[in-house]
């Protein structure tokens, strides 16, 4: 209880102690004013973009509560940043996001993402693997070869090469794997999945 009176007494009493306290108080006020001015300038001059307001897992549908429209400095703003909350509602997130991360079109399952990965007009095709336990080993952006093996054949058939992993969702069994492929190979994979079990192997990315 004596700390406040002692502090007030130091301010009332001329001397070195009062001078130090006054200088420190003035420095603190100036620092707060500078920070407030800087934050105001950043907010006033920055563009606005959607950022995640909470962590969102890959495969989840985005709701309006998951994002917030905030000022973002132009130097940190991606060219594909999104600004309309209604445009992302219900979209599927391809890669896990953290709170504060700017939302871009290439983070959402769709043509922008698949074209960014494959580099040409692509089709997104779901693949049900014969051995779904390999799904946790795959990562978004991996390049894979799709194989089919019929019971009477010794060697597997190569159905497609250069597939890019769009989404790996293991939240529910047996899990979901979405691949980005050019249209013709994508159709071949979809057709093969109807008649025989499929698997994938990791491969080196194809040169663009």
C-alpha atoms as a PDB file:
ATOM      1  CA  UNK A   1       0.000   0.000   0.000  1.00  0.00           C
ATOM      2  CA  UNK A   2       2.996   2.329   0.338  1.00  0.00           C
ATOM      3  CA  UNK A   3       4.139   2.029  -3.286  1.00  0.00           C
ATOM      4  CA  UNK A   4       1.698   4.631  -4.680  1.00  0.00           C
ATOM      5  CA  UNK A   5       2.327   7.286  -2.000  1.00  0.00           C
ATOM      6  CA  UNK A   6       6.050   6.739  -2.384  1.00  0.00           C
ATOM      7  CA  UNK A   7       5.742   7.173  -6.157  1.00  0.00           C
ATOM      8  CA  UNK A   8       3.677  10.354  -5.779  1.00  0.00           C
ATOM      9  CA  UNK A   9       6.103  11.648  -3.193  1.00  0.00           C
ATOM     10  CA  UNK A  10       8.990  11.106  -5.626  1.00  0.00           C
ATOM     11  CA  UNK A  11       7.171  13.150  -8.268  1.00  0.00           C
ATOM     12  CA  UNK A  12       6.512  16.015  -5.840  1.00  0.00           C
ATOM     13  CA  UNK A  13      10.059  16.087  -4.516  1.00  0.00           C
ATOM     14  CA  UNK A  14      12.567  17.898  -6.774  1.00  0.00           C
ATOM     15  CA  UNK A  15      15.692  15.956  -7.516  1.00  0.00           C
ATOM     16  CA  UNK A  16      17.325  13.255  -9.589  1.00  0.00           C
ATOM     17  CA  UNK A  17      14.644  10.596  -8.879  1.00  0.00           C
ATOM     18  CA  UNK A  18      11.804  12.832 -10.087  1.00  0.00           C
ATOM     19  CA  UNK A  19      13.722  13.748 -13.241  1.00  0.00           C
ATOM     20  CA  UNK A  20      14.280  10.068 -14.084  1.00  0.00           C
ATOM     21  CA  UNK A  21      10.595   9.227 -13.521  1.00  0.00           C
ATOM     22  CA  UNK A  22       9.442  12.148 -15.653  1.00  0.00           C
ATOM     23  CA  UNK A  23      11.830  11.226 -18.479  1.00  0.00           C
ATOM     24  CA  UNK A  24      10.666   7.594 -18.419  1.00  0.00           C
ATOM     25  CA  UNK A  25       7.019   8.622 -18.372  1.00  0.00           C
ATOM     26  CA  UNK A  26       7.543  10.993 -21.308  1.00  0.00           C
ATOM     27  CA  UNK A  27       9.399   8.283 -23.261  1.00  0.00           C
ATOM     28  CA  UNK A  28       6.551   5.832 -22.677  1.00  0.00           C
ATOM     29  CA  UNK A  29       3.958   8.347 -23.861  1.00  0.00           C
ATOM     30  CA  UNK A  30       5.972   9.145 -26.991  1.00  0.00           C
ATOM     31  CA  UNK A  31       6.462   5.443 -27.750  1.00  0.00           C
ATOM     32  CA  UNK A  32       2.735   4.731 -27.441  1.00  0.00           C
ATOM     33  CA  UNK A  33       1.942   7.701 -29.669  1.00  0.00           C
ATOM     34  CA  UNK A  34       4.425   6.517 -32.305  1.00  0.00           C
ATOM     35  CA  UNK A  35       3.004   2.987 -32.274  1.00  0.00           C
ATOM     36  CA  UNK A  36      -0.548   4.276 -32.552  1.00  0.00           C
ATOM     37  CA  UNK A  37       0.430   6.514 -35.458  1.00  0.00           C
ATOM     38  CA  UNK A  38       2.236   3.693 -37.250  1.00  0.00           C
ATOM     39  CA  UNK A  39      -0.692   1.309 -36.820  1.00  0.00           C
ATOM     40  CA  UNK A  40      -3.072   3.982 -38.093  1.00  0.00           C
ATOM     41  CA  UNK A  41      -0.900   4.634 -41.147  1.00  0.00           C
ATOM     42  CA  UNK A  42      -0.627   0.924 -41.932  1.00  0.00           C
ATOM     43  CA  UNK A  43      -4.367   0.421 -41.619  1.00  0.00           C
ATOM     44  CA  UNK A  44      -5.220   3.516 -43.635  1.00  0.00           C
ATOM     45  CA  UNK A  45      -2.859   2.785 -46.516  1.00  0.00           C
ATOM     46  CA  UNK A  46      -3.170  -0.997 -46.722  1.00  0.00           C
ATOM     47  CA  UNK A  47      -5.413  -3.036 -48.953  1.00  0.00           C
ATOM     48  CA  UNK A  48      -7.946  -5.366 -47.376  1.00  0.00           C
ATOM     49  CA  UNK A  49      -7.975  -9.121 -47.767  1.00  0.00           C
ATOM     50  CA  UNK A  50      -9.448 -12.214 -46.158  1.00  0.00           C
ATOM     51  CA  UNK A  51      -7.367 -13.965 -43.509  1.00  0.00           C
ATOM     52  CA  UNK A  52      -8.205 -17.062 -41.511  1.00  0.00           C
ATOM     53  CA  UNK A  53      -9.593 -16.229 -38.089  1.00  0.00           C
ATOM     54  CA  UNK A  54      -8.940 -19.762 -36.777  1.00  0.00           C
ATOM     55  CA  UNK A  55      -7.022 -22.883 -37.811  1.00  0.00           C
ATOM     56  CA  UNK A  56      -8.798 -24.835 -40.581  1.00  0.00           C
ATOM     57  CA  UNK A  57      -7.904 -28.403 -41.549  1.00  0.00           C
ATOM     58  CA  UNK A  58      -7.407 -29.624 -45.099  1.00  0.00           C
ATOM     59  CA  UNK A  59     -10.658 -30.952 -46.539  1.00  0.00           C
ATOM     60  CA  UNK A  60     -12.882 -28.705 -44.423  1.00  0.00           C
ATOM     61  CA  UNK A  61     -15.569 -26.498 -45.919  1.00  0.00           C
ATOM     62  CA  UNK A  62     -14.899 -22.838 -45.184  1.00  0.00           C
ATOM     63  CA  UNK A  63     -17.599 -20.863 -43.402  1.00  0.00           C
ATOM     64  CA  UNK A  64     -17.865 -17.098 -43.056  1.00  0.00           C
ATOM     65  CA  UNK A  65     -16.864 -17.452 -39.403  1.00  0.00           C
ATOM     66  CA  UNK A  66     -13.524 -18.934 -40.497  1.00  0.00           C
ATOM     67  CA  UNK A  67     -12.341 -15.740 -42.229  1.00  0.00           C
ATOM     68  CA  UNK A  68     -12.130 -12.023 -41.527  1.00  0.00           C
ATOM     69  CA  UNK A  69     -11.529  -9.031 -43.807  1.00  0.00           C
ATOM     70  CA  UNK A  70      -8.563  -7.055 -42.466  1.00  0.00           C
ATOM     71  CA  UNK A  71      -5.977  -4.538 -43.740  1.00  0.00           C
ATOM     72  CA  UNK A  72      -2.882  -6.207 -45.209  1.00  0.00           C
ATOM     73  CA  UNK A  73       0.228  -4.229 -46.279  1.00  0.00           C
ATOM     74  CA  UNK A  74       0.598  -4.278 -50.058  1.00  0.00           C
ATOM     75  CA  UNK A  75       4.111  -5.690 -49.721  1.00  0.00           C
ATOM     76  CA  UNK A  76       2.669  -8.795 -48.034  1.00  0.00           C
ATOM     77  CA  UNK A  77      -0.457  -9.151 -50.193  1.00  0.00           C
ATOM     78  CA  UNK A  78      -0.447 -12.076 -52.683  1.00  0.00           C
ATOM     79  CA  UNK A  79      -1.823 -11.326 -56.133  1.00  0.00           C
ATOM     80  CA  UNK A  80      -4.408 -14.105 -55.743  1.00  0.00           C
ATOM     81  CA  UNK A  81      -5.701 -12.913 -52.348  1.00  0.00           C
ATOM     82  CA  UNK A  82      -9.469 -13.057 -51.863  1.00  0.00           C
ATOM     83  CA  UNK A  83     -11.590 -10.219 -50.505  1.00  0.00           C
ATOM     84  CA  UNK A  84     -15.205 -11.426 -50.683  1.00  0.00           C
ATOM     85  CA  UNK A  85     -16.364 -13.658 -47.780  1.00  0.00           C
ATOM     86  CA  UNK A  86     -19.388 -14.885 -49.739  1.00  0.00           C
ATOM     87  CA  UNK A  87     -17.130 -16.149 -52.548  1.00  0.00           C
ATOM     88  CA  UNK A  88     -15.315 -18.595 -50.254  1.00  0.00           C
ATOM     89  CA  UNK A  89     -18.235 -19.856 -48.194  1.00  0.00           C
ATOM     90  CA  UNK A  90     -18.611 -23.606 -48.723  1.00  0.00           C
ATOM     91  CA  UNK A  91     -15.334 -23.969 -50.625  1.00  0.00           C
ATOM     92  CA  UNK A  92     -12.945 -26.802 -49.707  1.00  0.00           C
ATOM     93  CA  UNK A  93      -9.519 -25.995 -48.262  1.00  0.00           C
ATOM     94  CA  UNK A  94      -6.729 -28.017 -49.894  1.00  0.00           C
ATOM     95  CA  UNK A  95      -3.973 -27.385 -47.344  1.00  0.00           C
ATOM     96  CA  UNK A  96      -4.186 -26.842 -43.593  1.00  0.00           C
ATOM     97  CA  UNK A  97      -4.303 -23.141 -42.704  1.00  0.00           C
ATOM     98  CA  UNK A  98      -3.366 -21.285 -39.537  1.00  0.00           C
ATOM     99  CA  UNK A  99      -4.994 -18.242 -37.991  1.00  0.00           C
ATOM    100  CA  UNK A 100      -3.817 -14.990 -39.596  1.00  0.00           C
ATOM    101  CA  UNK A 101      -2.867 -16.571 -42.943  1.00  0.00           C
ATOM    102  CA  UNK A 102      -4.056 -14.729 -46.065  1.00  0.00           C
ATOM    103  CA  UNK A 103      -6.587 -16.751 -48.080  1.00  0.00           C
ATOM    104  CA  UNK A 104      -5.732 -17.120 -51.785  1.00  0.00           C
ATOM    105  CA  UNK A 105      -7.424 -18.900 -54.692  1.00  0.00           C
ATOM    106  CA  UNK A 106      -4.625 -21.460 -54.875  1.00  0.00           C
ATOM    107  CA  UNK A 107      -5.416 -22.705 -51.346  1.00  0.00           C
ATOM    108  CA  UNK A 108      -8.900 -23.823 -52.406  1.00  0.00           C
ATOM    109  CA  UNK A 109      -9.831 -26.950 -54.338  1.00  0.00           C
ATOM    110  CA  UNK A 110     -10.610 -25.785 -57.873  1.00  0.00           C
ATOM    111  CA  UNK A 111      -9.209 -24.963 -61.282  1.00  0.00           C
ATOM    112  CA  UNK A 112      -6.837 -22.235 -60.051  1.00  0.00           C
ATOM    113  CA  UNK A 113      -5.141 -24.708 -57.734  1.00  0.00           C
ATOM    114  CA  UNK A 114      -4.947 -27.571 -60.227  1.00  0.00           C
ATOM    115  CA  UNK A 115      -3.637 -25.340 -63.013  1.00  0.00           C
ATOM    116  CA  UNK A 116      -1.001 -23.907 -60.663  1.00  0.00           C
ATOM    117  CA  UNK A 117       0.213 -27.430 -59.892  1.00  0.00           C
ATOM    118  CA  UNK A 118      -0.037 -29.116 -63.288  1.00  0.00           C
ATOM    119  CA  UNK A 119       0.611 -26.107 -65.507  1.00  0.00           C
ATOM    120  CA  UNK A 120      -2.119 -26.814 -68.055  1.00  0.00           C
ATOM    121  CA  UNK A 121      -5.859 -27.332 -68.326  1.00  0.00           C
ATOM    122  CA  UNK A 122      -6.600 -29.976 -65.741  1.00  0.00           C
ATOM    123  CA  UNK A 123      -9.318 -32.170 -64.353  1.00  0.00           C
ATOM    124  CA  UNK A 124      -9.598 -33.047 -60.687  1.00  0.00           C
ATOM    125  CA  UNK A 125     -10.353 -36.725 -60.206  1.00  0.00           C
ATOM    126  CA  UNK A 126     -11.059 -38.603 -56.945  1.00  0.00           C
ATOM    127  CA  UNK A 127      -9.053 -41.805 -56.498  1.00  0.00           C
ATOM    128  CA  UNK A 128      -9.991 -44.607 -54.126  1.00  0.00           C
ATOM    129  CA  UNK A 129      -6.816 -46.451 -53.275  1.00  0.00           C
ATOM    130  CA  UNK A 130      -6.589 -50.187 -52.769  1.00  0.00           C
ATOM    131  CA  UNK A 131      -4.334 -49.467 -49.778  1.00  0.00           C
ATOM    132  CA  UNK A 132      -5.686 -46.285 -48.129  1.00  0.00           C
ATOM    133  CA  UNK A 133      -3.098 -46.556 -45.356  1.00  0.00           C
ATOM    134  CA  UNK A 134      -0.605 -44.857 -47.726  1.00  0.00           C
ATOM    135  CA  UNK A 135      -2.682 -41.656 -47.716  1.00  0.00           C
ATOM    136  CA  UNK A 136      -0.943 -40.115 -44.652  1.00  0.00           C
ATOM    137  CA  UNK A 137       2.358 -40.420 -46.531  1.00  0.00           C
ATOM    138  CA  UNK A 138       1.131 -38.165 -49.342  1.00  0.00           C
ATOM    139  CA  UNK A 139       1.287 -34.389 -49.247  1.00  0.00           C
ATOM    140  CA  UNK A 140      -0.380 -31.628 -51.185  1.00  0.00           C
ATOM    141  CA  UNK A 141       1.614 -30.972 -54.378  1.00  0.00           C
ATOM    142  CA  UNK A 142       3.268 -34.410 -54.554  1.00  0.00           C
ATOM    143  CA  UNK A 143       3.721 -35.877 -58.025  1.00  0.00           C
ATOM    144  CA  UNK A 144       2.455 -39.445 -58.361  1.00  0.00           C
ATOM    145  CA  UNK A 145       2.055 -42.224 -60.910  1.00  0.00           C
ATOM    146  CA  UNK A 146      -1.264 -44.068 -60.861  1.00  0.00           C
ATOM    147  CA  UNK A 147      -1.061 -47.842 -61.190  1.00  0.00           C
ATOM    148  CA  UNK A 148      -3.639 -50.569 -61.646  1.00  0.00           C
ATOM    149  CA  UNK A 149      -3.057 -54.247 -60.964  1.00  0.00           C
ATOM    150  CA  UNK A 150      -5.416 -56.970 -61.996  1.00  0.00           C
ATOM    151  CA  UNK A 151      -5.184 -60.249 -60.126  1.00  0.00           C
ATOM    152  CA  UNK A 152      -4.158 -62.338 -63.157  1.00  0.00           C
ATOM    153  CA  UNK A 153      -1.344 -60.008 -64.198  1.00  0.00           C
ATOM    154  CA  UNK A 154       2.131 -60.107 -62.688  1.00  0.00           C
ATOM    155  CA  UNK A 155       3.020 -56.503 -63.491  1.00  0.00           C
ATOM    156  CA  UNK A 156       0.873 -53.429 -62.759  1.00  0.00           C
ATOM    157  CA  UNK A 157      -0.428 -51.247 -65.575  1.00  0.00           C
ATOM    158  CA  UNK A 158       0.542 -47.576 -65.610  1.00  0.00           C
ATOM    159  CA  UNK A 159      -2.707 -45.644 -65.920  1.00  0.00           C
ATOM    160  CA  UNK A 160      -1.360 -42.096 -65.656  1.00  0.00           C
ATOM    161  CA  UNK A 161       1.862 -40.248 -64.842  1.00  0.00           C
ATOM    162  CA  UNK A 162       2.468 -36.749 -63.543  1.00  0.00           C
ATOM    163  CA  UNK A 163      -0.600 -36.611 -61.334  1.00  0.00           C
ATOM    164  CA  UNK A 164      -0.418 -33.880 -58.701  1.00  0.00           C
ATOM    165  CA  UNK A 165      -1.943 -34.323 -55.291  1.00  0.00           C
ATOM    166  CA  UNK A 166      -4.623 -31.684 -54.773  1.00  0.00           C
ATOM    167  CA  UNK A 167      -6.086 -32.910 -51.493  1.00  0.00           C
ATOM    168  CA  UNK A 168      -5.381 -35.647 -48.967  1.00  0.00           C
ATOM    169  CA  UNK A 169      -8.215 -35.894 -46.458  1.00  0.00           C
ATOM    170  CA  UNK A 170      -7.797 -38.608 -43.832  1.00  0.00           C
ATOM    171  CA  UNK A 171     -10.327 -37.310 -41.338  1.00  0.00           C
ATOM    172  CA  UNK A 172     -12.723 -40.132 -42.203  1.00  0.00           C
ATOM    173  CA  UNK A 173     -12.040 -43.711 -43.315  1.00  0.00           C
ATOM    174  CA  UNK A 174     -11.105 -44.747 -45.978  1.00  0.00           C
ATOM    175  CA  UNK A 175      -9.979 -41.198 -46.795  1.00  0.00           C
ATOM    176  CA  UNK A 176     -10.101 -39.007 -49.882  1.00  0.00           C
ATOM    177  CA  UNK A 177      -7.420 -38.441 -52.503  1.00  0.00           C
ATOM    178  CA  UNK A 178      -7.945 -35.844 -55.215  1.00  0.00           C
ATOM    179  CA  UNK A 179      -5.502 -35.723 -58.123  1.00  0.00           C
ATOM    180  CA  UNK A 180      -5.007 -33.039 -60.751  1.00  0.00           C
ATOM    181  CA  UNK A 181      -4.438 -34.458 -64.231  1.00  0.00           C
ATOM    182  CA  UNK A 182      -4.928 -33.376 -67.838  1.00  0.00           C
ATOM    183  CA  UNK A 183      -8.380 -34.330 -69.085  1.00  0.00           C
ATOM    184  CA  UNK A 184      -7.518 -37.520 -70.995  1.00  0.00           C
ATOM    185  CA  UNK A 185      -5.407 -39.176 -68.252  1.00  0.00           C
ATOM    186  CA  UNK A 186      -8.017 -38.121 -65.690  1.00  0.00           C
ATOM    187  CA  UNK A 187     -10.703 -39.945 -67.660  1.00  0.00           C
ATOM    188  CA  UNK A 188      -8.459 -43.014 -67.866  1.00  0.00           C
ATOM    189  CA  UNK A 189      -7.965 -43.009 -64.082  1.00  0.00           C
ATOM    190  CA  UNK A 190     -11.693 -42.602 -63.461  1.00  0.00           C
ATOM    191  CA  UNK A 191     -12.501 -45.490 -65.813  1.00  0.00           C
ATOM    192  CA  UNK A 192      -9.824 -47.755 -64.346  1.00  0.00           C
ATOM    193  CA  UNK A 193     -11.068 -47.157 -60.813  1.00  0.00           C
ATOM    194  CA  UNK A 194     -14.404 -48.747 -61.767  1.00  0.00           C
ATOM    195  CA  UNK A 195     -12.903 -52.097 -62.706  1.00  0.00           C
ATOM    196  CA  UNK A 196      -9.724 -52.579 -60.682  1.00  0.00           C
ATOM    197  CA  UNK A 197      -8.027 -51.364 -57.484  1.00  0.00           C
ATOM    198  CA  UNK A 198      -5.626 -48.457 -57.910  1.00  0.00           C
ATOM    199  CA  UNK A 199      -2.495 -47.381 -56.128  1.00  0.00           C
ATOM    200  CA  UNK A 200      -0.069 -44.505 -56.471  1.00  0.00           C
ATOM    201  CA  UNK A 201       3.699 -44.191 -56.220  1.00  0.00           C
ATOM    202  CA  UNK A 202       5.634 -41.011 -55.631  1.00  0.00           C
ATOM    203  CA  UNK A 203       7.515 -39.739 -58.672  1.00  0.00           C
ATOM    204  CA  UNK A 204       9.754 -36.817 -59.579  1.00  0.00           C
ATOM    205  CA  UNK A 205       7.833 -33.745 -60.833  1.00  0.00           C
ATOM    206  CA  UNK A 206       7.527 -33.575 -64.597  1.00  0.00           C
ATOM    207  CA  UNK A 207       9.356 -30.636 -66.228  1.00  0.00           C
ATOM    208  CA  UNK A 208       7.079 -27.842 -67.355  1.00  0.00           C
END
